[in-house]
Protein backbone atom coordinates (compact mmCIF):
# COMPACT_ATOMS: atom_id res chain seq x y z
CA UNK A 1 -2.35 214.18 -76.26
CA UNK A 2 -6.08 213.67 -75.69
CA UNK A 3 -8.72 215.82 -77.37
CA UNK A 4 -9.79 217.50 -74.12
CA UNK A 5 -6.31 218.85 -73.44
CA UNK A 6 -5.88 219.84 -77.08
CA UNK A 7 -9.08 221.85 -76.77
CA UNK A 8 -7.80 223.37 -73.53
CA UNK A 9 -4.62 224.51 -75.29
CA UNK A 10 -6.61 225.93 -78.21
CA UNK A 11 -8.49 228.17 -75.78
CA UNK A 12 -5.76 228.92 -73.25
CA UNK A 13 -2.64 228.99 -75.40
CA UNK A 14 0.74 227.31 -74.91
CA UNK A 15 2.29 226.76 -71.51
CA UNK A 16 5.00 229.01 -70.07
CA UNK A 17 7.02 229.25 -66.85
CA UNK A 18 7.13 225.47 -66.76
CA UNK A 19 8.40 223.84 -63.58
CA UNK A 20 9.57 220.26 -63.71
CA UNK A 21 7.54 217.93 -61.49
CA UNK A 22 9.92 215.65 -59.57
CA UNK A 23 9.22 211.91 -59.40
CA UNK A 24 8.71 212.23 -55.64
CA UNK A 25 5.69 214.49 -56.24
CA UNK A 26 4.25 212.08 -58.78
CA UNK A 27 4.54 209.25 -56.26
CA UNK A 28 3.19 211.40 -53.42
CA UNK A 29 -0.10 211.88 -55.24
CA UNK A 30 -0.35 208.53 -57.00
CA UNK A 31 -3.66 206.95 -56.01
CA UNK A 32 -4.88 210.27 -54.62
CA UNK A 33 -5.18 212.29 -57.83
CA UNK A 34 -6.19 210.94 -61.26
CA UNK A 35 -3.51 209.14 -63.23
CA UNK A 36 -4.31 211.46 -66.15
CA UNK A 37 -3.37 214.52 -64.10
CA UNK A 38 -0.06 212.95 -63.11
CA UNK A 39 0.62 212.27 -66.79
CA UNK A 40 -0.13 215.92 -67.60
CA UNK A 41 2.34 216.91 -64.88
CA UNK A 42 5.03 214.63 -66.31
CA UNK A 43 4.54 215.98 -69.82
CA UNK A 44 3.81 219.66 -69.18
CA UNK A 45 4.99 220.34 -65.62
CA UNK A 46 3.33 222.87 -63.34
CA UNK A 47 2.93 225.98 -65.43
CA UNK A 48 0.93 228.99 -66.56
CA UNK A 49 -1.46 229.33 -69.46
CA UNK A 50 -3.23 232.25 -71.14
CA UNK A 51 -0.33 234.60 -70.29
CA UNK A 52 -0.70 233.73 -66.59
CA UNK A 53 -4.47 233.83 -66.25
CA UNK A 54 -4.61 230.12 -65.33
CA UNK A 55 -2.03 227.99 -63.51
CA UNK A 56 -1.57 224.35 -62.66
CA UNK A 57 0.05 224.08 -59.24
CA UNK A 58 1.83 221.80 -56.82
CA UNK A 59 -0.88 220.70 -54.34
CA UNK A 60 1.70 220.28 -51.59
CA UNK A 61 2.80 223.89 -52.03
CA UNK A 62 -0.82 224.99 -51.65
CA UNK A 63 -1.62 222.92 -48.56
CA UNK A 64 -1.47 226.07 -46.33
CA UNK A 65 -4.07 227.66 -48.62
CA UNK A 66 -6.31 224.60 -48.45
CA UNK A 67 -6.02 224.46 -44.67
CA UNK A 68 -6.75 228.18 -44.33
CA UNK A 69 -9.91 228.00 -46.44
CA UNK A 70 -11.51 224.64 -45.59
CA UNK A 71 -9.46 223.19 -42.74
CA UNK A 72 -12.19 223.84 -40.16
CA UNK A 73 -15.19 223.25 -42.41
CA UNK A 74 -17.48 220.26 -43.10
CA UNK A 75 -15.76 219.88 -46.47
CA UNK A 76 -12.84 218.18 -44.76
CA UNK A 77 -15.22 215.69 -43.17
CA UNK A 78 -16.69 214.79 -46.57
CA UNK A 79 -13.53 214.21 -48.56
CA UNK A 80 -9.77 214.68 -48.89
CA UNK A 81 -9.12 217.65 -51.16
CA UNK A 82 -6.13 218.94 -53.10
CA UNK A 83 -5.73 222.27 -54.91
CA UNK A 84 -4.69 221.46 -58.47
CA UNK A 85 -5.08 224.82 -60.24
CA UNK A 86 -5.74 228.51 -59.68
CA UNK A 87 -6.34 231.73 -61.58
CA UNK A 88 -4.41 234.99 -61.61
CA UNK A 89 -7.00 236.52 -59.28
CA UNK A 90 -7.39 233.66 -56.81
CA UNK A 91 -9.97 231.29 -58.25
CA UNK A 92 -9.00 228.01 -56.56
CA UNK A 93 -9.79 224.62 -58.08
CA UNK A 94 -10.02 221.77 -55.57
CA UNK A 95 -10.04 218.09 -56.49
CA UNK A 96 -11.65 215.65 -54.06
CA UNK A 97 -10.26 212.13 -53.92
CA UNK A 98 -13.82 210.78 -53.84
CA UNK A 99 -15.92 213.72 -55.06
CA UNK A 100 -13.60 214.82 -57.89
CA UNK A 101 -14.21 218.33 -59.30
CA UNK A 102 -16.64 219.27 -56.56
CA UNK A 103 -15.31 222.49 -55.04
CA UNK A 104 -14.17 225.85 -56.38
CA UNK A 105 -13.38 228.91 -54.25
CA UNK A 106 -13.06 232.53 -55.35
CA UNK A 107 -10.77 233.77 -52.61
CA UNK A 108 -11.09 237.57 -53.07
CA UNK A 109 -14.88 237.30 -52.73
CA UNK A 110 -14.81 234.63 -50.00
CA UNK A 111 -17.35 232.40 -51.70
CA UNK A 112 -17.30 228.89 -53.07
CA UNK A 113 -19.24 226.63 -55.36
CA UNK A 114 -19.87 223.18 -53.94
CA UNK A 115 -21.28 220.79 -56.51
CA UNK A 116 -21.95 217.13 -57.03
CA UNK A 117 -19.77 215.65 -59.73
CA UNK A 118 -21.57 214.23 -62.75
CA UNK A 119 -18.95 211.45 -62.93
CA UNK A 120 -18.91 208.13 -61.10
CA UNK A 121 -15.90 206.50 -59.46
CA UNK A 122 -14.98 204.51 -62.56
CA UNK A 123 -15.01 207.71 -64.64
CA UNK A 124 -12.37 209.64 -62.71
CA UNK A 125 -9.93 209.84 -65.62
CA UNK A 126 -12.59 211.08 -68.00
CA UNK A 127 -13.69 213.55 -65.32
CA UNK A 128 -10.18 214.97 -65.09
CA UNK A 129 -9.89 215.34 -68.86
CA UNK A 130 -13.28 217.02 -68.89
CA UNK A 131 -12.13 219.41 -66.17
CA UNK A 132 -9.43 220.80 -68.45
CA UNK A 133 -11.66 220.73 -71.51
CA UNK A 134 -14.19 222.97 -69.76
CA UNK A 135 -11.74 225.64 -68.65
CA UNK A 136 -11.82 228.97 -70.46
CA UNK A 137 -10.45 232.47 -70.13
CA UNK A 138 -13.71 234.21 -69.26
CA UNK A 139 -14.41 232.21 -66.09
CA UNK A 140 -11.00 233.22 -64.68
CA UNK A 141 -10.95 236.85 -65.87
CA UNK A 142 -12.49 238.67 -62.93
CA UNK A 143 -14.27 241.86 -64.07
CA UNK A 144 -12.34 241.64 -67.37
CA UNK A 145 -9.30 243.03 -65.55
CA UNK A 146 -6.67 240.56 -66.71
CA UNK A 147 -5.57 242.24 -69.95
CA UNK A 148 -5.20 245.69 -68.39
CA UNK A 149 -3.50 244.21 -65.31
CA UNK A 150 -1.06 242.31 -67.51
CA UNK A 151 -0.25 245.48 -69.42
CA UNK A 152 0.15 247.63 -66.31
CA UNK A 153 1.76 245.20 -63.86
CA UNK A 154 3.49 242.70 -66.13
CA UNK A 155 3.32 238.94 -66.45
CA UNK A 156 3.06 236.99 -63.22
CA UNK A 157 5.65 234.54 -61.99
CA UNK A 158 4.52 231.08 -60.93
CA UNK A 159 4.31 232.12 -57.28
CA UNK A 160 2.45 235.40 -57.86
CA UNK A 161 -1.12 236.58 -58.39
CA UNK A 162 -2.93 239.87 -58.85
CA UNK A 163 -4.36 240.93 -55.49
CA UNK A 164 -6.65 243.80 -54.56
CA UNK A 165 -5.12 246.19 -52.03
CA UNK A 166 -7.04 246.80 -49.81
CA UNK A 167 -8.78 243.45 -50.11
CA UNK A 168 -12.33 243.31 -51.36
CA UNK A 169 -13.39 241.81 -48.03
CA UNK A 170 -12.17 245.00 -46.32
CA UNK A 171 -14.15 247.22 -48.64
CA UNK A 172 -11.51 247.74 -51.29
CA UNK A 173 -12.78 248.50 -54.81
CA UNK A 174 -12.43 246.00 -57.65
CA UNK A 175 -10.52 248.46 -59.81
CA UNK A 176 -7.32 248.18 -61.79
CA UNK A 177 -5.64 250.91 -59.78
CA UNK A 178 -5.99 248.76 -56.65
CA UNK A 179 -4.39 245.63 -58.11
CA UNK A 180 -0.85 244.67 -57.08
CA UNK A 181 1.41 241.74 -57.81
CA UNK A 182 1.55 239.72 -54.60
CA UNK A 183 2.87 236.34 -53.48
CA UNK A 184 0.06 233.90 -54.19
CA UNK A 185 0.20 231.48 -51.27
CA UNK A 186 0.74 234.16 -48.65
CA UNK A 187 -2.00 236.40 -50.04
CA UNK A 188 -4.51 233.56 -50.34
CA UNK A 189 -3.91 232.53 -46.73
CA UNK A 190 -4.41 236.14 -45.65
CA UNK A 191 -7.68 236.43 -47.57
CA UNK A 192 -9.05 233.38 -45.76
CA UNK A 193 -8.76 235.27 -42.47
CA UNK A 194 -10.75 238.31 -43.55
CA UNK A 195 -14.27 237.01 -44.11
CA UNK A 196 -16.28 233.80 -43.60
CA UNK A 197 -16.62 231.51 -46.59
CA UNK A 198 -20.04 231.67 -48.23
CA UNK A 199 -21.13 228.36 -49.74
CA UNK A 200 -23.17 228.26 -52.94
CA UNK A 201 -24.46 225.00 -54.38
CA UNK A 202 -25.74 223.61 -57.65
CA UNK A 203 -26.87 220.06 -58.54
CA UNK A 204 -24.01 218.82 -60.75
CA UNK A 205 -20.89 219.85 -62.57
CA UNK A 206 -22.48 219.39 -65.96
CA UNK A 207 -22.55 223.13 -66.49
CA UNK A 208 -18.86 223.52 -65.67
């Protein structure tokens, strides 16, 4: 295990709710996603970390989410993207085949961060390891609601997330009492229909 993933596990805790990644999925994304990510999948599967705050996901399963959020945007003209991870609240991590870790969307707030990767084409594997090494609980814990949501609503399954009902885009408050356990893919697709995506930019990914 490389030092970046060891550091990731130190911060995020051991995996749970592991799903075996079939060889067909490995082959489907070979040459499209970093070899290092495919090796992580083979060893650890698609699973949850930090009690369900952060999840690695099957990009094919999340294709409807990707299409809903960026299917009709200039992002699709710039690169081919795949969703490789998400948070309990709908932070979506996209990996571009050519731009790497260049796009992150916070679905409940309908905004995204579009950044230029600090890594070059020959550094894709290091870039992927760095992606995991930079992840932490705070960036995924919207309004510090995860611990109370976990206590009140219980641990999420791999296909669930905590969603605000009514949605923030419809004026719903970002309060614990308005969080529900919802199906992740379906809820994320719904959120994409409620408000236009606001794009925020920064020069590089050096700051995470």
